[in-house]
């Protein structure tokens, strides 16, 4: 994911299901590609680099999901820092934006949590 350092995040959104539960965090870059973070069945944080902002098949049907903007859109990504649990599985991802803003996606008890500062 080091190749994403320096990319401009055109938008940063929470993807929520019909019940309003957080299903994913999506960062769409100025080249049209996207990074999607979601909690996988083993409770690890899955990071999925996509060629576009289309939701993947595991978030189906797409009309059942809504996107809600969060902080970071329009800013350059300075760094991405994966976090791992005691078993070495990815459990989080911290994204640092230009200007010092940070956003962290984490698997907490099998649920996705997003923290901004």
PDB file of N, CA and C in Angstrom:
ATOM      1  N   UNK A   1       0.808  -1.207   0.000  1.00  0.00           N
ATOM      2  CA  UNK A   1       0.000   0.000   0.000  1.00  0.00           C
ATOM      3  C   UNK A   1       0.847   1.267   0.000  1.00  0.00           C
ATOM      4  N   UNK A   2       2.148   1.092   0.050  1.00  0.00           N
ATOM      5  CA  UNK A   2       3.033   2.255   0.024  1.00  0.00           C
ATOM      6  C   UNK A   2       2.834   3.098  -1.227  1.00  0.00           C
ATOM      7  N   UNK A   3       2.379   2.456  -2.317  1.00  0.00           N
ATOM      8  CA  UNK A   3       2.175   3.195  -3.569  1.00  0.00           C
ATOM      9  C   UNK A   3       1.059   4.233  -3.456  1.00  0.00           C
ATOM     10  N   UNK A   4       0.241   4.141  -2.421  1.00  0.00           N
ATOM     11  CA  UNK A   4      -0.848   5.106  -2.242  1.00  0.00           C
ATOM     12  C   UNK A   4      -0.387   6.385  -1.549  1.00  0.00           C
ATOM     13  N   UNK A   5       0.785   6.350  -0.926  1.00  0.00           N
ATOM     14  CA  UNK A   5       1.316   7.574  -0.317  1.00  0.00           C
ATOM     15  C   UNK A   5       1.556   8.592  -1.423  1.00  0.00           C
ATOM     16  N   UNK A   6       1.017   9.774  -1.245  1.00  0.00           N
ATOM     17  CA  UNK A   6       1.119  10.832  -2.244  1.00  0.00           C
ATOM     18  C   UNK A   6      -0.117  10.966  -3.110  1.00  0.00           C
ATOM     19  N   UNK A   7      -0.978   9.943  -3.105  1.00  0.00           N
ATOM     20  CA  UNK A   7      -2.219  10.009  -3.885  1.00  0.00           C
ATOM     21  C   UNK A   7      -3.208  10.956  -3.216  1.00  0.00           C
ATOM     22  N   UNK A   8      -4.063  11.570  -4.012  1.00  0.00           N
ATOM     23  CA  UNK A   8      -5.088  12.465  -3.476  1.00  0.00           C
ATOM     24  C   UNK A   8      -6.381  11.679  -3.291  1.00  0.00           C
ATOM     25  N   UNK A   9      -6.916  11.731  -2.073  1.00  0.00           N
ATOM     26  CA  UNK A   9      -8.194  11.087  -1.771  1.00  0.00           C
ATOM     27  C   UNK A   9      -9.303  12.026  -2.223  1.00  0.00           C
ATOM     28  N   UNK A  10      -9.922  11.700  -3.335  1.00  0.00           N
ATOM     29  CA  UNK A  10     -11.005  12.526  -3.865  1.00  0.00           C
ATOM     30  C   UNK A  10     -12.206  12.520  -2.923  1.00  0.00           C
ATOM     31  N   UNK A  11     -12.499  11.332  -2.364  1.00  0.00           N
ATOM     32  CA  UNK A  11     -13.570  11.237  -1.373  1.00  0.00           C
ATOM     33  C   UNK A  11     -13.256  10.113  -0.398  1.00  0.00           C
ATOM     34  N   UNK A  12     -13.760  10.264   0.818  1.00  0.00           N
ATOM     35  CA  UNK A  12     -13.643   9.247   1.859  1.00  0.00           C
ATOM     36  C   UNK A  12     -15.048   9.075   2.411  1.00  0.00           C
ATOM     37  N   UNK A  13     -15.568   7.838   2.326  1.00  0.00           N
ATOM     38  CA  UNK A  13     -16.956   7.612   2.722  1.00  0.00           C
ATOM     39  C   UNK A  13     -17.100   6.354   3.568  1.00  0.00           C
ATOM     40  N   UNK A  14     -18.078   6.393   4.461  1.00  0.00           N
ATOM     41  CA  UNK A  14     -18.535   5.191   5.141  1.00  0.00           C
ATOM     42  C   UNK A  14     -19.598   4.571   4.250  1.00  0.00           C
ATOM     43  N   UNK A  15     -19.544   3.259   4.081  1.00  0.00           N
ATOM     44  CA  UNK A  15     -20.558   2.524   3.334  1.00  0.00           C
ATOM     45  C   UNK A  15     -21.430   1.830   4.369  1.00  0.00           C
ATOM     46  N   UNK A  16     -22.716   2.179   4.380  1.00  0.00           N
ATOM     47  CA  UNK A  16     -23.634   1.649   5.394  1.00  0.00           C
ATOM     48  C   UNK A  16     -24.720   0.803   4.744  1.00  0.00           C
ATOM     49  N   UNK A  17     -25.129  -0.267   5.458  1.00  0.00           N
ATOM     50  CA  UNK A  17     -26.178  -1.134   4.935  1.00  0.00           C
ATOM     51  C   UNK A  17     -27.557  -0.548   5.229  1.00  0.00           C
ATOM     52  N   UNK A  18     -28.599  -1.283   4.846  1.00  0.00           N
ATOM     53  CA  UNK A  18     -29.978  -0.787   5.001  1.00  0.00           C
ATOM     54  C   UNK A  18     -30.348  -0.493   6.448  1.00  0.00           C
ATOM     55  N   UNK A  19     -29.710  -1.190   7.396  1.00  0.00           N
ATOM     56  CA  UNK A  19     -29.990  -0.970   8.816  1.00  0.00           C
ATOM     57  C   UNK A  19     -29.165   0.165   9.404  1.00  0.00           C
ATOM     58  N   UNK A  20     -28.291   0.757   8.582  1.00  0.00           N
ATOM     59  CA  UNK A  20     -27.438   1.840   9.047  1.00  0.00           C
ATOM     60  C   UNK A  20     -26.134   1.370   9.653  1.00  0.00           C
ATOM     61  N   UNK A  21     -25.892   0.045   9.615  1.00  0.00           N
ATOM     62  CA  UNK A  21     -24.649  -0.494  10.162  1.00  0.00           C
ATOM     63  C   UNK A  21     -23.492  -0.221   9.209  1.00  0.00           C
ATOM     64  N   UNK A  22     -22.330   0.054   9.768  1.00  0.00           N
ATOM     65  CA  UNK A  22     -21.136   0.335   8.980  1.00  0.00           C
ATOM     66  C   UNK A  22     -20.626  -0.956   8.355  1.00  0.00           C
ATOM     67  N   UNK A  23     -20.608  -1.006   7.030  1.00  0.00           N
ATOM     68  CA  UNK A  23     -20.163  -2.196   6.300  1.00  0.00           C
ATOM     69  C   UNK A  23     -18.742  -2.048   5.779  1.00  0.00           C
ATOM     70  N   UNK A  24     -18.340  -0.816   5.429  1.00  0.00           N
ATOM     71  CA  UNK A  24     -17.016  -0.608   4.835  1.00  0.00           C
ATOM     72  C   UNK A  24     -16.625   0.859   4.922  1.00  0.00           C
ATOM     73  N   UNK A  25     -15.341   1.090   4.756  1.00  0.00           N
ATOM     74  CA  UNK A  25     -14.798   2.429   4.572  1.00  0.00           C
ATOM     75  C   UNK A  25     -14.209   2.439   3.172  1.00  0.00           C
ATOM     76  N   UNK A  26     -14.554   3.448   2.379  1.00  0.00           N
ATOM     77  CA  UNK A  26     -14.056   3.531   1.008  1.00  0.00           C
ATOM     78  C   UNK A  26     -13.334   4.855   0.796  1.00  0.00           C
ATOM     79  N   UNK A  27     -12.113   4.753   0.275  1.00  0.00           N
ATOM     80  CA  UNK A  27     -11.345   5.933  -0.111  1.00  0.00           C
ATOM     81  C   UNK A  27     -11.217   5.890  -1.627  1.00  0.00           C
ATOM     82  N   UNK A  28     -11.751   6.900  -2.302  1.00  0.00           N
ATOM     83  CA  UNK A  28     -11.676   6.980  -3.762  1.00  0.00           C
ATOM     84  C   UNK A  28     -10.598   7.997  -4.111  1.00  0.00           C
ATOM     85  N   UNK A  29      -9.665   7.585  -4.959  1.00  0.00           N
ATOM     86  CA  UNK A  29      -8.525   8.425  -5.318  1.00  0.00           C
ATOM     87  C   UNK A  29      -8.785   9.190  -6.609  1.00  0.00           C
ATOM     88  N   UNK A  30      -7.975  10.217  -6.834  1.00  0.00           N
ATOM     89  CA  UNK A  30      -8.187  11.094  -7.986  1.00  0.00           C
ATOM     90  C   UNK A  30      -8.002  10.392  -9.331  1.00  0.00           C
ATOM     91  N   UNK A  31      -7.398   9.206  -9.344  1.00  0.00           N
ATOM     92  CA  UNK A  31      -7.283   8.451 -10.598  1.00  0.00           C
ATOM     93  C   UNK A  31      -8.478   7.532 -10.828  1.00  0.00           C
ATOM     94  N   UNK A  32      -9.473   7.585  -9.916  1.00  0.00           N
ATOM     95  CA  UNK A  32     -10.680   6.772 -10.038  1.00  0.00           C
ATOM     96  C   UNK A  32     -10.614   5.445  -9.312  1.00  0.00           C
ATOM     97  N   UNK A  33      -9.418   5.033  -8.871  1.00  0.00           N
ATOM     98  CA  UNK A  33      -9.292   3.779  -8.130  1.00  0.00           C
ATOM     99  C   UNK A  33      -9.777   3.987  -6.693  1.00  0.00           C
ATOM    100  N   UNK A  34      -9.924   2.885  -5.967  1.00  0.00           N
ATOM    101  CA  UNK A  34     -10.445   2.981  -4.604  1.00  0.00           C
ATOM    102  C   UNK A  34      -9.785   1.949  -3.700  1.00  0.00           C
ATOM    103  N   UNK A  35      -9.804   2.237  -2.415  1.00  0.00           N
ATOM    104  CA  UNK A  35      -9.386   1.302  -1.377  1.00  0.00           C
ATOM    105  C   UNK A  35     -10.604   1.082  -0.496  1.00  0.00           C
ATOM    106  N   UNK A  36     -10.962  -0.177  -0.297  1.00  0.00           N
ATOM    107  CA  UNK A  36     -12.122  -0.517   0.512  1.00  0.00           C
ATOM    108  C   UNK A  36     -11.644  -1.303   1.721  1.00  0.00           C
ATOM    109  N   UNK A  37     -12.057  -0.900   2.909  1.00  0.00           N
ATOM    110  CA  UNK A  37     -11.720  -1.597   4.153  1.00  0.00           C
ATOM    111  C   UNK A  37     -13.002  -2.160   4.741  1.00  0.00           C
ATOM    112  N   UNK A  38     -12.983  -3.446   5.063  1.00  0.00           N
ATOM    113  CA  UNK A  38     -14.136  -4.079   5.680  1.00  0.00           C
ATOM    114  C   UNK A  38     -13.655  -5.202   6.593  1.00  0.00           C
ATOM    115  N   UNK A  39     -14.508  -5.629   7.512  1.00  0.00           N
ATOM    116  CA  UNK A  39     -14.151  -6.727   8.402  1.00  0.00           C
ATOM    117  C   UNK A  39     -14.553  -8.031   7.725  1.00  0.00           C
ATOM    118  N   UNK A  40     -13.618  -8.972   7.676  1.00  0.00           N
ATOM    119  CA  UNK A  40     -13.836 -10.242   7.016  1.00  0.00           C
ATOM    120  C   UNK A  40     -14.384 -11.256   8.008  1.00  0.00           C
ATOM    121  N   UNK A  41     -14.745 -12.443   7.540  1.00  0.00           N
ATOM    122  CA  UNK A  41     -15.390 -13.446   8.385  1.00  0.00           C
ATOM    123  C   UNK A  41     -14.516 -13.916   9.543  1.00  0.00           C
ATOM    124  N   UNK A  42     -13.196 -13.779   9.415  1.00  0.00           N
ATOM    125  CA  UNK A  42     -12.303 -14.173  10.509  1.00  0.00           C
ATOM    126  C   UNK A  42     -11.991 -13.004  11.450  1.00  0.00           C
ATOM    127  N   UNK A  43     -12.720 -11.896  11.294  1.00  0.00           N
ATOM    128  CA  UNK A  43     -12.605 -10.680  12.094  1.00  0.00           C
ATOM    129  C   UNK A  43     -11.370  -9.864  11.764  1.00  0.00           C
ATOM    130  N   UNK A  44     -10.633 -10.239  10.730  1.00  0.00           N
ATOM    131  CA  UNK A  44      -9.498  -9.420  10.302  1.00  0.00           C
ATOM    132  C   UNK A  44     -10.022  -8.254   9.473  1.00  0.00           C
ATOM    133  N   UNK A  45      -9.198  -7.237   9.336  1.00  0.00           N
ATOM    134  CA  UNK A  45      -9.565  -6.108   8.481  1.00  0.00           C
ATOM    135  C   UNK A  45      -9.081  -6.417   7.070  1.00  0.00           C
ATOM    136  N   UNK A  46     -10.004  -6.499   6.147  1.00  0.00           N
ATOM    137  CA  UNK A  46      -9.649  -6.742   4.746  1.00  0.00           C
ATOM    138  C   UNK A  46      -9.503  -5.395   4.056  1.00  0.00           C
ATOM    139  N   UNK A  47      -8.387  -5.196   3.367  1.00  0.00           N
ATOM    140  CA  UNK A  47      -8.188  -4.000   2.552  1.00  0.00           C
ATOM    141  C   UNK A  47      -8.155  -4.455   1.105  1.00  0.00           C
ATOM    142  N   UNK A  48      -9.042  -3.904   0.318  1.00  0.00           N
ATOM    143  CA  UNK A  48      -9.255  -4.339  -1.055  1.00  0.00           C
ATOM    144  C   UNK A  48      -8.996  -3.169  -1.994  1.00  0.00           C
ATOM    145  N   UNK A  49      -7.910  -3.225  -2.751  1.00  0.00           N
ATOM    146  CA  UNK A  49      -7.603  -2.181  -3.736  1.00  0.00           C
ATOM    147  C   UNK A  49      -8.403  -2.479  -4.989  1.00  0.00           C
ATOM    148  N   UNK A  50      -9.180  -1.507  -5.453  1.00  0.00           N
ATOM    149  CA  UNK A  50     -10.102  -1.706  -6.573  1.00  0.00           C
ATOM    150  C   UNK A  50      -9.769  -0.732  -7.697  1.00  0.00           C
ATOM    151  N   UNK A  51     -10.046  -1.115  -8.951  1.00  0.00           N
ATOM    152  CA  UNK A  51      -9.762  -0.223 -10.078  1.00  0.00           C
ATOM    153  C   UNK A  51     -10.738   0.944 -10.181  1.00  0.00           C
ATOM    154  N   UNK A  52     -11.880   0.832  -9.484  1.00  0.00           N
ATOM    155  CA  UNK A  52     -12.882   1.896  -9.514  1.00  0.00           C
ATOM    156  C   UNK A  52     -13.656   1.901  -8.199  1.00  0.00           C
ATOM    157  N   UNK A  53     -14.647   2.780  -8.103  1.00  0.00           N
ATOM    158  CA  UNK A  53     -15.400   2.941  -6.855  1.00  0.00           C
ATOM    159  C   UNK A  53     -16.626   2.034  -6.767  1.00  0.00           C
ATOM    160  N   UNK A  54     -16.783   1.121  -7.720  1.00  0.00           N
ATOM    161  CA  UNK A  54     -17.904   0.182  -7.686  1.00  0.00           C
ATOM    162  C   UNK A  54     -17.757  -0.736  -6.475  1.00  0.00           C
ATOM    163  N   UNK A  55     -18.868  -0.981  -5.777  1.00  0.00           N
ATOM    164  CA  UNK A  55     -18.809  -1.879  -4.627  1.00  0.00           C
ATOM    165  C   UNK A  55     -18.569  -3.308  -5.103  1.00  0.00           C
ATOM    166  N   UNK A  56     -17.776  -4.089  -4.359  1.00  0.00           N
ATOM    167  CA  UNK A  56     -17.489  -5.471  -4.749  1.00  0.00           C
ATOM    168  C   UNK A  56     -18.702  -6.380  -4.553  1.00  0.00           C
ATOM    169  N   UNK A  57     -18.616  -7.582  -5.114  1.00  0.00           N
ATOM    170  CA  UNK A  57     -19.717  -8.543  -5.041  1.00  0.00           C
ATOM    171  C   UNK A  57     -20.110  -8.905  -3.618  1.00  0.00           C
ATOM    172  N   UNK A  58     -19.170  -8.850  -2.682  1.00  0.00           N
ATOM    173  CA  UNK A  58     -19.521  -9.214  -1.307  1.00  0.00           C
ATOM    174  C   UNK A  58     -20.346  -8.133  -0.608  1.00  0.00           C
ATOM    175  N   UNK A  59     -20.558  -6.996  -1.246  1.00  0.00           N
ATOM    176  CA  UNK A  59     -21.504  -5.976  -0.761  1.00  0.00           C
ATOM    177  C   UNK A  59     -22.617  -5.887  -1.809  1.00  0.00           C
ATOM    178  N   UNK A  60     -23.492  -6.879  -1.784  1.00  0.00           N
ATOM    179  CA  UNK A  60     -24.519  -7.014  -2.811  1.00  0.00           C
ATOM    180  C   UNK A  60     -25.883  -7.092  -2.175  1.00  0.00           C
ATOM    181  N   UNK A  61     -26.904  -6.551  -2.756  1.00  0.00           N
ATOM    182  CA  UNK A  61     -26.901  -5.721  -3.960  1.00  0.00           C
ATOM    183  C   UNK A  61     -26.465  -4.295  -3.626  1.00  0.00           C
ATOM    184  N   UNK A  62     -25.823  -3.620  -4.562  1.00  0.00           N
ATOM    185  CA  UNK A  62     -25.271  -2.289  -4.284  1.00  0.00           C
ATOM    186  C   UNK A  62     -26.320  -1.263  -3.863  1.00  0.00           C
ATOM    187  N   UNK A  63     -27.550  -1.419  -4.329  1.00  0.00           N
ATOM    188  CA  UNK A  63     -28.584  -0.445  -3.954  1.00  0.00           C
ATOM    189  C   UNK A  63     -29.002  -0.572  -2.490  1.00  0.00           C
ATOM    190  N   UNK A  64     -28.526  -1.610  -1.808  1.00  0.00           N
ATOM    191  CA  UNK A  64     -28.817  -1.781  -0.381  1.00  0.00           C
ATOM    192  C   UNK A  64     -27.840  -1.017   0.508  1.00  0.00           C
ATOM    193  N   UNK A  65     -26.887  -0.324  -0.109  1.00  0.00           N
ATOM    194  CA  UNK A  65     -25.860   0.396   0.639  1.00  0.00           C
ATOM    195  C   UNK A  65     -25.885   1.878   0.295  1.00  0.00           C
ATOM    196  N   UNK A  66     -25.594   2.690   1.298  1.00  0.00           N
ATOM    197  CA  UNK A  66     -25.485   4.135   1.080  1.00  0.00           C
ATOM    198  C   UNK A  66     -24.087   4.580   1.502  1.00  0.00           C
ATOM    199  N   UNK A  67     -23.669   5.697   0.945  1.00  0.00           N
ATOM    200  CA  UNK A  67     -22.345   6.250   1.265  1.00  0.00           C
ATOM    201  C   UNK A  67     -22.525   7.560   2.024  1.00  0.00           C
ATOM    202  N   UNK A  68     -21.738   7.717   3.092  1.00  0.00           N
ATOM    203  CA  UNK A  68     -21.778   8.936   3.896  1.00  0.00           C
ATOM    204  C   UNK A  68     -20.364   9.492   4.015  1.00  0.00           C
ATOM    205  N   UNK A  69     -20.143  10.736   3.577  1.00  0.00           N
ATOM    206  CA  UNK A  69     -18.793  11.313   3.609  1.00  0.00           C
ATOM    207  C   UNK A  69     -18.241  11.436   5.033  1.00  0.00           C
ATOM    208  N   UNK A  70     -16.935  11.205   5.140  1.00  0.00           N
ATOM    209  CA  UNK A  70     -16.202  11.451   6.381  1.00  0.00           C
ATOM    210  C   UNK A  70     -14.975  12.288   6.032  1.00  0.00           C
ATOM    211  N   UNK A  71     -14.220  12.675   7.017  1.00  0.00           N
ATOM    212  CA  UNK A  71     -13.065  13.543   6.825  1.00  0.00           C
ATOM    213  C   UNK A  71     -12.016  12.941   5.892  1.00  0.00           C
ATOM    214  N   UNK A  72     -11.285  13.785   5.207  1.00  0.00           N
ATOM    215  CA  UNK A  72     -10.160  13.345   4.391  1.00  0.00           C
ATOM    216  C   UNK A  72     -10.305  13.617   2.916  1.00  0.00           C
ATOM    217  N   UNK A  73     -11.532  13.774   2.424  1.00  0.00           N
ATOM    218  CA  UNK A  73     -11.732  14.023   1.003  1.00  0.00           C
ATOM    219  C   UNK A  73     -11.020  15.281   0.542  1.00  0.00           C
ATOM    220  N   UNK A  74     -10.367  15.199  -0.617  1.00  0.00           N
ATOM    221  CA  UNK A  74      -9.656  16.337  -1.172  1.00  0.00           C
ATOM    222  C   UNK A  74      -8.250  16.521  -0.636  1.00  0.00           C
ATOM    223  N   UNK A  75      -7.811  15.617   0.233  1.00  0.00           N
ATOM    224  CA  UNK A  75      -6.475  15.733   0.829  1.00  0.00           C
ATOM    225  C   UNK A  75      -5.537  14.649   0.281  1.00  0.00           C
ATOM    226  N   UNK A  76      -4.265  14.974   0.277  1.00  0.00           N
ATOM    227  CA  UNK A  76      -3.231  14.025  -0.153  1.00  0.00           C
ATOM    228  C   UNK A  76      -2.940  13.043   0.987  1.00  0.00           C
ATOM    229  N   UNK A  77      -2.775  11.770   0.644  1.00  0.00           N
ATOM    230  CA  UNK A  77      -2.406  10.747   1.617  1.00  0.00           C
ATOM    231  C   UNK A  77      -0.906  10.846   1.875  1.00  0.00           C
ATOM    232  N   UNK A  78      -0.539  10.973   3.142  1.00  0.00           N
ATOM    233  CA  UNK A  78       0.871  11.050   3.526  1.00  0.00           C
ATOM    234  C   UNK A  78       1.411   9.648   3.814  1.00  0.00           C
ATOM    235  N   UNK A  79       0.628   8.839   4.531  1.00  0.00           N
ATOM    236  CA  UNK A  79       1.087   7.498   4.906  1.00  0.00           C
ATOM    237  C   UNK A  79      -0.098   6.596   5.212  1.00  0.00           C
ATOM    238  N   UNK A  80       0.106   5.308   5.002  1.00  0.00           N
ATOM    239  CA  UNK A  80      -0.848   4.274   5.407  1.00  0.00           C
ATOM    240  C   UNK A  80      -0.097   3.316   6.315  1.00  0.00           C
ATOM    241  N   UNK A  81      -0.631   3.085   7.516  1.00  0.00           N
ATOM    242  CA  UNK A  81       0.052   2.245   8.501  1.00  0.00           C
ATOM    243  C   UNK A  81      -0.854   1.089   8.927  1.00  0.00           C
ATOM    244  N   UNK A  82      -0.589  -0.119   8.411  1.00  0.00           N
ATOM    245  CA  UNK A  82      -1.374  -1.278   8.841  1.00  0.00           C
ATOM    246  C   UNK A  82      -1.107  -1.598  10.311  1.00  0.00           C
ATOM    247  N   UNK A  83      -2.132  -2.091  10.999  1.00  0.00           N
ATOM    248  CA  UNK A  83      -2.010  -2.553  12.380  1.00  0.00           C
ATOM    249  C   UNK A  83      -2.318  -4.043  12.385  1.00  0.00           C
ATOM    250  N   UNK A  84      -1.611  -4.805  13.212  1.00  0.00           N
ATOM    251  CA  UNK A  84      -1.853  -6.242  13.297  1.00  0.00           C
ATOM    252  C   UNK A  84      -2.210  -6.638  14.723  1.00  0.00           C
ATOM    253  N   UNK A  85      -2.917  -7.763  14.843  1.00  0.00           N
ATOM    254  CA  UNK A  85      -3.259  -8.287  16.161  1.00  0.00           C
ATOM    255  C   UNK A  85      -2.154  -9.237  16.629  1.00  0.00           C
ATOM    256  N   UNK A  86      -2.371  -9.875  17.776  1.00  0.00           N
ATOM    257  CA  UNK A  86      -1.343 -10.751  18.349  1.00  0.00           C
ATOM    258  C   UNK A  86      -1.045 -11.976  17.482  1.00  0.00           C
ATOM    259  N   UNK A  87      -1.951 -12.332  16.574  1.00  0.00           N
ATOM    260  CA  UNK A  87      -1.729 -13.464  15.662  1.00  0.00           C
ATOM    261  C   UNK A  87      -1.074 -13.022  14.354  1.00  0.00           C
ATOM    262  N   UNK A  88      -0.826 -11.723  14.223  1.00  0.00           N
ATOM    263  CA  UNK A  88      -0.201 -11.210  13.013  1.00  0.00           C
ATOM    264  C   UNK A  88      -1.168 -10.879  11.890  1.00  0.00           C
ATOM    265  N   UNK A  89      -2.473 -10.990  12.152  1.00  0.00           N
ATOM    266  CA  UNK A  89      -3.491 -10.652  11.151  1.00  0.00           C
ATOM    267  C   UNK A  89      -3.735  -9.146  11.151  1.00  0.00           C
ATOM    268  N   UNK A  90      -4.009  -8.601   9.980  1.00  0.00           N
ATOM    269  CA  UNK A  90      -4.302  -7.166   9.922  1.00  0.00           C
ATOM    270  C   UNK A  90      -5.611  -6.889  10.645  1.00  0.00           C
ATOM    271  N   UNK A  91      -5.553  -5.982  11.605  1.00  0.00           N
ATOM    272  CA  UNK A  91      -6.738  -5.635  12.387  1.00  0.00           C
ATOM    273  C   UNK A  91      -7.107  -4.166  12.245  1.00  0.00           C
ATOM    274  N   UNK A  92      -6.234  -3.384  11.604  1.00  0.00           N
ATOM    275  CA  UNK A  92      -6.520  -1.965  11.451  1.00  0.00           C
ATOM    276  C   UNK A  92      -5.668  -1.341  10.371  1.00  0.00           C
ATOM    277  N   UNK A  93      -6.057  -0.142   9.990  1.00  0.00           N
ATOM    278  CA  UNK A  93      -5.296   0.644   9.021  1.00  0.00           C
ATOM    279  C   UNK A  93      -5.452   2.112   9.379  1.00  0.00           C
ATOM    280  N   UNK A  94      -4.323   2.756   9.659  1.00  0.00           N
ATOM    281  CA  UNK A  94      -4.322   4.192   9.911  1.00  0.00           C
ATOM    282  C   UNK A  94      -3.910   4.901   8.626  1.00  0.00           C
ATOM    283  N   UNK A  95      -4.701   5.889   8.229  1.00  0.00           N
ATOM    284  CA  UNK A  95      -4.407   6.690   7.046  1.00  0.00           C
ATOM    285  C   UNK A  95      -4.128   8.105   7.524  1.00  0.00           C
ATOM    286  N   UNK A  96      -2.944   8.605   7.203  1.00  0.00           N
ATOM    287  CA  UNK A  96      -2.591   9.982   7.563  1.00  0.00           C
ATOM    288  C   UNK A  96      -2.692  10.847   6.315  1.00  0.00           C
ATOM    289  N   UNK A  97      -3.410  11.968   6.457  1.00  0.00           N
ATOM    290  CA  UNK A  97      -3.607  12.900   5.357  1.00  0.00           C
ATOM    291  C   UNK A  97      -2.745  14.141   5.554  1.00  0.00           C
ATOM    292  N   UNK A  98      -2.511  14.837   4.469  1.00  0.00           N
ATOM    293  CA  UNK A  98      -1.826  16.119   4.489  1.00  0.00           C
ATOM    294  C   UNK A  98      -2.490  17.021   5.525  1.00  0.00           C
ATOM    295  N   UNK A  99      -1.700  17.733   6.281  1.00  0.00           N
ATOM    296  CA  UNK A  99      -2.238  18.613   7.309  1.00  0.00           C
ATOM    297  C   UNK A  99      -2.364  17.931   8.662  1.00  0.00           C
ATOM    298  N   UNK A 100      -1.956  16.649   8.753  1.00  0.00           N
ATOM    299  CA  UNK A 100      -1.967  15.960  10.034  1.00  0.00           C
ATOM    300  C   UNK A 100      -3.245  15.230  10.388  1.00  0.00           C
ATOM    301  N   UNK A 101      -4.277  15.320   9.554  1.00  0.00           N
ATOM    302  CA  UNK A 101      -5.523  14.594   9.852  1.00  0.00           C
ATOM    303  C   UNK A 101      -5.290  13.100   9.715  1.00  0.00           C
ATOM    304  N   UNK A 102      -5.904  12.326  10.620  1.00  0.00           N
ATOM    305  CA  UNK A 102      -5.779  10.870  10.575  1.00  0.00           C
ATOM    306  C   UNK A 102      -7.148  10.220  10.629  1.00  0.00           C
ATOM    307  N   UNK A 103      -7.215   9.076   9.999  1.00  0.00           N
ATOM    308  CA  UNK A 103      -8.426   8.267   9.997  1.00  0.00           C
ATOM    309  C   UNK A 103      -7.971   6.825  10.216  1.00  0.00           C
ATOM    310  N   UNK A 104      -8.629   6.118  11.117  1.00  0.00           N
ATOM    311  CA  UNK A 104      -8.260   4.729  11.391  1.00  0.00           C
ATOM    312  C   UNK A 104      -9.484   3.848  11.254  1.00  0.00           C
ATOM    313  N   UNK A 105      -9.337   2.768  10.477  1.00  0.00           N
ATOM    314  CA  UNK A 105     -10.365   1.730  10.361  1.00  0.00           C
ATOM    315  C   UNK A 105      -9.843   0.522  11.124  1.00  0.00           C
ATOM    316  N   UNK A 106     -10.697  -0.053  12.002  1.00  0.00           N
ATOM    317  CA  UNK A 106     -10.277  -1.196  12.823  1.00  0.00           C
ATOM    318  C   UNK A 106     -11.396  -2.221  12.916  1.00  0.00           C
ATOM    319  N   UNK A 107     -10.978  -3.465  13.061  1.00  0.00           N
ATOM    320  CA  UNK A 107     -11.904  -4.531  13.414  1.00  0.00           C
ATOM    321  C   UNK A 107     -11.950  -4.591  14.936  1.00  0.00           C
ATOM    322  N   UNK A 108     -13.133  -4.356  15.489  1.00  0.00           N
ATOM    323  CA  UNK A 108     -13.318  -4.387  16.943  1.00  0.00           C
ATOM    324  C   UNK A 108     -14.441  -5.373  17.231  1.00  0.00           C
ATOM    325  N   UNK A 109     -14.080  -6.528  17.769  1.00  0.00           N
ATOM    326  CA  UNK A 109     -15.084  -7.543  18.065  1.00  0.00           C
ATOM    327  C   UNK A 109     -15.849  -8.001  16.834  1.00  0.00           C
ATOM    328  N   UNK A 110     -15.185  -8.009  15.686  1.00  0.00           N
ATOM    329  CA  UNK A 110     -15.833  -8.449  14.453  1.00  0.00           C
ATOM    330  C   UNK A 110     -16.655  -7.389  13.753  1.00  0.00           C
ATOM    331  N   UNK A 111     -16.627  -6.176  14.263  1.00  0.00           N
ATOM    332  CA  UNK A 111     -17.346  -5.052  13.646  1.00  0.00           C
ATOM    333  C   UNK A 111     -16.341  -4.001  13.197  1.00  0.00           C
ATOM    334  N   UNK A 112     -16.684  -3.284  12.136  1.00  0.00           N
ATOM    335  CA  UNK A 112     -15.827  -2.216  11.644  1.00  0.00           C
ATOM    336  C   UNK A 112     -16.049  -0.956  12.466  1.00  0.00           C
ATOM    337  N   UNK A 113     -14.954  -0.350  12.885  1.00  0.00           N
ATOM    338  CA  UNK A 113     -15.012   0.927  13.599  1.00  0.00           C
ATOM    339  C   UNK A 113     -14.098   1.909  12.876  1.00  0.00           C
ATOM    340  N   UNK A 114     -14.564   3.140  12.701  1.00  0.00           N
ATOM    341  CA  UNK A 114     -13.779   4.186  12.045  1.00  0.00           C
ATOM    342  C   UNK A 114     -13.631   5.342  13.016  1.00  0.00           C
ATOM    343  N   UNK A 115     -12.380   5.771  13.226  1.00  0.00           N
ATOM    344  CA  UNK A 115     -12.079   6.874  14.136  1.00  0.00           C
ATOM    345  C   UNK A 115     -11.354   7.948  13.343  1.00  0.00           C
ATOM    346  N   UNK A 116     -11.773   9.201  13.498  1.00  0.00           N
ATOM    347  CA  UNK A 116     -11.102  10.321  12.836  1.00  0.00           C
ATOM    348  C   UNK A 116     -10.565  11.278  13.895  1.00  0.00           C
ATOM    349  N   UNK A 117      -9.465  11.936  13.566  1.00  0.00           N
ATOM    350  CA  UNK A 117      -8.940  12.985  14.462  1.00  0.00           C
ATOM    351  C   UNK A 117      -8.233  14.039  13.656  1.00  0.00           C
TER     352      UNK A 117
END
